[in-house]
Amino acid sequence: MASTTTLKLPGELKARIVEAAKASGKSPHAFMIEALNNHVRLAEMRRSFINDAVASAAEVNANGKVYTMEDIQAYILALTAGKAAKRPKPITLDDDYSH
């Protein structure tokens, strides 16, 4: 069910929206709905990415095990080339790790 929201737009922005909507073959209303939907989706994806990063950091902090980018890249490239690939071994982070 749709609900009504009123937005007070600066005149210059409203004119830009009208022009962009016209160029894309949409009404200003449809253009704004699409723009808002896209922006909300991006915000949700950003939040999900941050949550995943926080969870990943917590996992690394809990066990200290990680894989080097070089090992993972070599493994993936070998697999995609159809070659036998040895699974990378995790390394344990320590205070001196500077790879």
N, C-alpha and C. Protein backbone atom coordinates (compact mmCIF):
# COMPACT_ATOMS: atom_id res chain seq x y z
N MET A 1 0.85 -1.18 0.00
CA MET A 1 0.00 0.00 0.00
C MET A 1 0.89 1.24 0.00
N ALA A 2 0.63 2.11 -0.89
CA ALA A 2 1.42 3.34 -1.00
C ALA A 2 0.98 4.35 0.06
N SER A 3 1.93 5.12 0.50
CA SER A 3 1.61 6.22 1.41
C SER A 3 2.17 7.50 0.82
N THR A 4 1.61 8.61 1.23
CA THR A 4 1.98 9.89 0.68
C THR A 4 3.02 10.56 1.55
N THR A 5 4.05 11.09 0.90
CA THR A 5 5.08 11.87 1.57
C THR A 5 5.28 13.14 0.75
N THR A 6 5.42 14.24 1.43
CA THR A 6 5.65 15.50 0.73
C THR A 6 7.11 15.89 0.88
N LEU A 7 7.73 16.23 -0.23
CA LEU A 7 9.11 16.71 -0.23
C LEU A 7 9.13 18.14 -0.72
N LYS A 8 9.85 18.98 -0.01
CA LYS A 8 10.05 20.35 -0.47
C LYS A 8 11.42 20.39 -1.12
N LEU A 9 11.42 20.52 -2.43
CA LEU A 9 12.65 20.50 -3.20
C LEU A 9 13.06 21.91 -3.59
N PRO A 10 14.36 22.18 -3.54
CA PRO A 10 14.83 23.46 -4.08
C PRO A 10 14.46 23.52 -5.57
N GLY A 11 14.12 24.69 -6.05
CA GLY A 11 13.68 24.86 -7.43
C GLY A 11 14.67 24.31 -8.45
N GLU A 12 15.96 24.55 -8.20
CA GLU A 12 16.99 24.09 -9.14
C GLU A 12 17.02 22.57 -9.20
N LEU A 13 16.88 21.90 -8.05
CA LEU A 13 16.88 20.43 -8.03
C LEU A 13 15.64 19.90 -8.73
N LYS A 14 14.49 20.50 -8.46
CA LYS A 14 13.24 20.07 -9.12
C LYS A 14 13.36 20.18 -10.63
N ALA A 15 13.96 21.26 -11.12
CA ALA A 15 14.13 21.44 -12.56
C ALA A 15 15.06 20.37 -13.13
N ARG A 16 16.11 20.04 -12.42
CA ARG A 16 17.03 18.99 -12.87
C ARG A 16 16.33 17.64 -12.91
N ILE A 17 15.50 17.36 -11.90
CA ILE A 17 14.75 16.10 -11.86
C ILE A 17 13.79 16.02 -13.05
N VAL A 18 13.07 17.11 -13.30
CA VAL A 18 12.12 17.13 -14.42
C VAL A 18 12.86 16.86 -15.72
N GLU A 19 14.00 17.52 -15.92
CA GLU A 19 14.78 17.35 -17.14
C GLU A 19 15.32 15.91 -17.27
N ALA A 20 15.86 15.38 -16.18
CA ALA A 20 16.40 14.02 -16.21
C ALA A 20 15.29 12.99 -16.43
N ALA A 21 14.15 13.21 -15.82
CA ALA A 21 13.01 12.30 -15.99
C ALA A 21 12.55 12.31 -17.44
N LYS A 22 12.44 13.50 -18.00
CA LYS A 22 12.00 13.63 -19.39
C LYS A 22 12.98 12.90 -20.32
N ALA A 23 14.28 13.08 -20.07
CA ALA A 23 15.30 12.44 -20.91
C ALA A 23 15.26 10.92 -20.82
N SER A 24 14.80 10.40 -19.67
CA SER A 24 14.75 8.95 -19.51
C SER A 24 13.37 8.38 -19.82
N GLY A 25 12.45 9.24 -20.26
CA GLY A 25 11.13 8.77 -20.64
C GLY A 25 10.24 8.43 -19.46
N LYS A 26 10.52 9.05 -18.32
CA LYS A 26 9.74 8.77 -17.11
C LYS A 26 9.09 10.05 -16.60
N SER A 27 8.08 9.88 -15.79
CA SER A 27 7.50 11.03 -15.12
C SER A 27 8.45 11.44 -13.99
N PRO A 28 8.42 12.69 -13.56
CA PRO A 28 9.24 13.08 -12.41
C PRO A 28 8.97 12.20 -11.18
N HIS A 29 7.70 11.84 -10.98
CA HIS A 29 7.34 10.99 -9.84
C HIS A 29 8.04 9.63 -9.95
N ALA A 30 7.93 8.98 -11.11
CA ALA A 30 8.56 7.66 -11.31
C ALA A 30 10.07 7.77 -11.18
N PHE A 31 10.63 8.85 -11.71
CA PHE A 31 12.07 9.06 -11.62
C PHE A 31 12.52 9.17 -10.16
N MET A 32 11.78 9.92 -9.35
CA MET A 32 12.14 10.09 -7.94
C MET A 32 11.96 8.79 -7.16
N ILE A 33 10.90 8.04 -7.45
CA ILE A 33 10.69 6.74 -6.78
C ILE A 33 11.86 5.82 -7.09
N GLU A 34 12.26 5.75 -8.37
CA GLU A 34 13.39 4.91 -8.76
C GLU A 34 14.68 5.37 -8.07
N ALA A 35 14.90 6.67 -8.05
CA ALA A 35 16.12 7.21 -7.42
C ALA A 35 16.15 6.89 -5.92
N LEU A 36 15.03 7.07 -5.26
CA LEU A 36 14.97 6.77 -3.82
C LEU A 36 15.17 5.28 -3.57
N ASN A 37 14.54 4.45 -4.39
CA ASN A 37 14.69 3.00 -4.24
C ASN A 37 16.15 2.59 -4.42
N ASN A 38 16.80 3.14 -5.44
CA ASN A 38 18.21 2.83 -5.69
C ASN A 38 19.09 3.28 -4.53
N HIS A 39 18.82 4.45 -4.02
CA HIS A 39 19.64 4.97 -2.91
C HIS A 39 19.45 4.13 -1.65
N VAL A 40 18.23 3.74 -1.36
CA VAL A 40 17.96 2.89 -0.19
C VAL A 40 18.65 1.54 -0.36
N ARG A 41 18.59 0.96 -1.57
CA ARG A 41 19.25 -0.32 -1.82
C ARG A 41 20.76 -0.20 -1.60
N LEU A 42 21.36 0.89 -2.08
CA LEU A 42 22.80 1.10 -1.86
C LEU A 42 23.12 1.24 -0.38
N ALA A 43 22.29 1.96 0.36
CA ALA A 43 22.50 2.12 1.80
C ALA A 43 22.40 0.77 2.51
N GLU A 44 21.45 -0.06 2.10
CA GLU A 44 21.31 -1.39 2.68
C GLU A 44 22.51 -2.27 2.36
N MET A 45 22.99 -2.20 1.12
CA MET A 45 24.16 -2.98 0.73
C MET A 45 25.39 -2.52 1.51
N ARG A 46 25.53 -1.21 1.68
CA ARG A 46 26.67 -0.67 2.43
C ARG A 46 26.62 -1.17 3.88
N ARG A 47 25.43 -1.14 4.48
CA ARG A 47 25.26 -1.60 5.86
C ARG A 47 25.61 -3.08 5.95
N SER A 48 25.15 -3.89 4.99
CA SER A 48 25.45 -5.32 4.97
C SER A 48 26.95 -5.55 4.84
N PHE A 49 27.60 -4.79 3.97
CA PHE A 49 29.05 -4.90 3.78
C PHE A 49 29.78 -4.59 5.08
N ILE A 50 29.37 -3.54 5.75
CA ILE A 50 30.00 -3.16 7.02
C ILE A 50 29.77 -4.24 8.07
N ASN A 51 28.55 -4.77 8.15
CA ASN A 51 28.27 -5.84 9.11
C ASN A 51 29.12 -7.07 8.83
N ASP A 52 29.26 -7.43 7.55
CA ASP A 52 30.11 -8.57 7.17
C ASP A 52 31.56 -8.32 7.55
N ALA A 53 32.04 -7.10 7.34
CA ALA A 53 33.42 -6.76 7.68
C ALA A 53 33.65 -6.84 9.19
N VAL A 54 32.70 -6.36 9.95
CA VAL A 54 32.81 -6.42 11.42
C VAL A 54 32.83 -7.88 11.88
N ALA A 55 31.95 -8.70 11.31
CA ALA A 55 31.91 -10.11 11.68
C ALA A 55 33.20 -10.81 11.29
N SER A 56 33.73 -10.48 10.11
CA SER A 56 34.99 -11.07 9.65
C SER A 56 36.14 -10.67 10.57
N ALA A 57 36.19 -9.41 10.94
CA ALA A 57 37.24 -8.94 11.85
C ALA A 57 37.14 -9.65 13.20
N ALA A 58 35.93 -9.85 13.67
CA ALA A 58 35.75 -10.56 14.95
C ALA A 58 36.24 -12.00 14.84
N GLU A 59 35.97 -12.64 13.70
CA GLU A 59 36.42 -14.02 13.49
C GLU A 59 37.95 -14.09 13.46
N VAL A 60 38.57 -13.16 12.76
CA VAL A 60 40.04 -13.13 12.72
C VAL A 60 40.59 -12.87 14.11
N ASN A 61 39.99 -11.95 14.83
CA ASN A 61 40.45 -11.66 16.19
C ASN A 61 40.28 -12.86 17.10
N ALA A 62 39.26 -13.66 16.88
CA ALA A 62 39.01 -14.82 17.73
C ALA A 62 40.00 -15.95 17.49
N ASN A 63 40.38 -16.16 16.22
CA ASN A 63 41.27 -17.30 15.97
C ASN A 63 42.61 -16.92 15.34
N GLY A 64 42.73 -15.70 14.84
CA GLY A 64 43.99 -15.23 14.29
C GLY A 64 44.42 -15.88 12.99
N LYS A 65 43.54 -16.66 12.38
CA LYS A 65 43.89 -17.36 11.14
C LYS A 65 43.39 -16.58 9.93
N VAL A 66 44.28 -16.41 8.94
CA VAL A 66 43.93 -15.73 7.70
C VAL A 66 44.67 -16.42 6.55
N TYR A 67 44.29 -16.06 5.34
CA TYR A 67 44.97 -16.53 4.13
C TYR A 67 45.58 -15.32 3.46
N THR A 68 46.74 -15.52 2.84
CA THR A 68 47.33 -14.40 2.11
C THR A 68 46.61 -14.24 0.78
N MET A 69 46.54 -13.02 0.30
CA MET A 69 45.91 -12.74 -0.98
C MET A 69 46.62 -13.50 -2.09
N GLU A 70 47.93 -13.55 -2.04
CA GLU A 70 48.70 -14.23 -3.08
C GLU A 70 48.36 -15.72 -3.14
N ASP A 71 48.23 -16.36 -1.97
CA ASP A 71 47.88 -17.78 -1.94
C ASP A 71 46.49 -18.03 -2.50
N ILE A 72 45.55 -17.19 -2.12
CA ILE A 72 44.17 -17.33 -2.60
C ILE A 72 44.11 -17.08 -4.10
N GLN A 73 44.81 -16.05 -4.57
CA GLN A 73 44.81 -15.74 -6.00
C GLN A 73 45.41 -16.88 -6.81
N ALA A 74 46.53 -17.43 -6.37
CA ALA A 74 47.16 -18.54 -7.08
C ALA A 74 46.23 -19.74 -7.12
N TYR A 75 45.55 -20.02 -6.02
CA TYR A 75 44.62 -21.15 -5.93
C TYR A 75 43.46 -20.97 -6.92
N ILE A 76 42.86 -19.79 -6.92
CA ILE A 76 41.71 -19.53 -7.80
C ILE A 76 42.14 -19.57 -9.27
N LEU A 77 43.28 -18.96 -9.58
CA LEU A 77 43.76 -18.97 -10.96
C LEU A 77 44.04 -20.40 -11.44
N ALA A 78 44.61 -21.22 -10.58
CA ALA A 78 44.88 -22.61 -10.95
C ALA A 78 43.57 -23.36 -11.19
N LEU A 79 42.61 -23.18 -10.30
CA LEU A 79 41.31 -23.85 -10.47
C LEU A 79 40.63 -23.42 -11.76
N THR A 80 40.62 -22.12 -12.03
CA THR A 80 39.93 -21.65 -13.23
C THR A 80 40.65 -22.05 -14.51
N ALA A 81 41.94 -22.35 -14.40
CA ALA A 81 42.70 -22.82 -15.57
C ALA A 81 42.59 -24.33 -15.72
N GLY A 82 41.84 -24.98 -14.82
CA GLY A 82 41.66 -26.42 -14.90
C GLY A 82 42.85 -27.21 -14.38
N LYS A 83 43.73 -26.57 -13.65
CA LYS A 83 44.91 -27.25 -13.10
C LYS A 83 44.61 -27.78 -11.70
N ALA A 84 45.40 -28.75 -11.30
CA ALA A 84 45.29 -29.25 -9.93
C ALA A 84 45.74 -28.13 -9.01
N ALA A 85 44.97 -27.88 -8.00
CA ALA A 85 45.29 -26.78 -7.10
C ALA A 85 45.33 -27.27 -5.66
N LYS A 86 46.39 -26.94 -4.98
CA LYS A 86 46.53 -27.29 -3.58
C LYS A 86 45.88 -26.19 -2.75
N ARG A 87 45.01 -26.60 -1.83
CA ARG A 87 44.34 -25.61 -0.99
C ARG A 87 45.35 -24.80 -0.20
N PRO A 88 45.15 -23.49 -0.13
CA PRO A 88 46.07 -22.67 0.67
C PRO A 88 45.97 -23.03 2.15
N LYS A 89 47.04 -22.84 2.84
CA LYS A 89 47.05 -23.07 4.28
C LYS A 89 46.93 -21.72 4.99
N PRO A 90 46.10 -21.68 6.03
CA PRO A 90 45.97 -20.41 6.75
C PRO A 90 47.26 -20.10 7.52
N ILE A 91 47.46 -18.82 7.72
CA ILE A 91 48.58 -18.41 8.56
C ILE A 91 48.00 -17.77 9.80
N THR A 92 48.80 -17.74 10.85
CA THR A 92 48.37 -17.11 12.10
C THR A 92 48.96 -15.72 12.17
N LEU A 93 48.11 -14.76 12.39
CA LEU A 93 48.59 -13.39 12.52
C LEU A 93 49.32 -13.23 13.84
N ASP A 94 50.37 -12.46 13.78
CA ASP A 94 51.05 -12.08 15.01
C ASP A 94 51.38 -10.60 14.91
N ASP A 95 51.94 -10.06 15.94
CA ASP A 95 52.22 -8.62 15.96
C ASP A 95 53.25 -8.21 14.93
N ASP A 96 54.07 -9.15 14.45
CA ASP A 96 55.12 -8.82 13.50
C ASP A 96 54.70 -9.00 12.05
N TYR A 97 53.45 -9.42 11.81
CA TYR A 97 53.00 -9.68 10.45
C TYR A 97 52.87 -8.35 9.70
N SER A 98 53.58 -8.24 8.58
CA SER A 98 53.51 -7.01 7.78
C SER A 98 53.50 -7.34 6.31
N HIS A 99 52.71 -8.32 5.91
CA HIS A 99 52.67 -8.78 4.53
C HIS A 99 51.82 -7.87 3.69
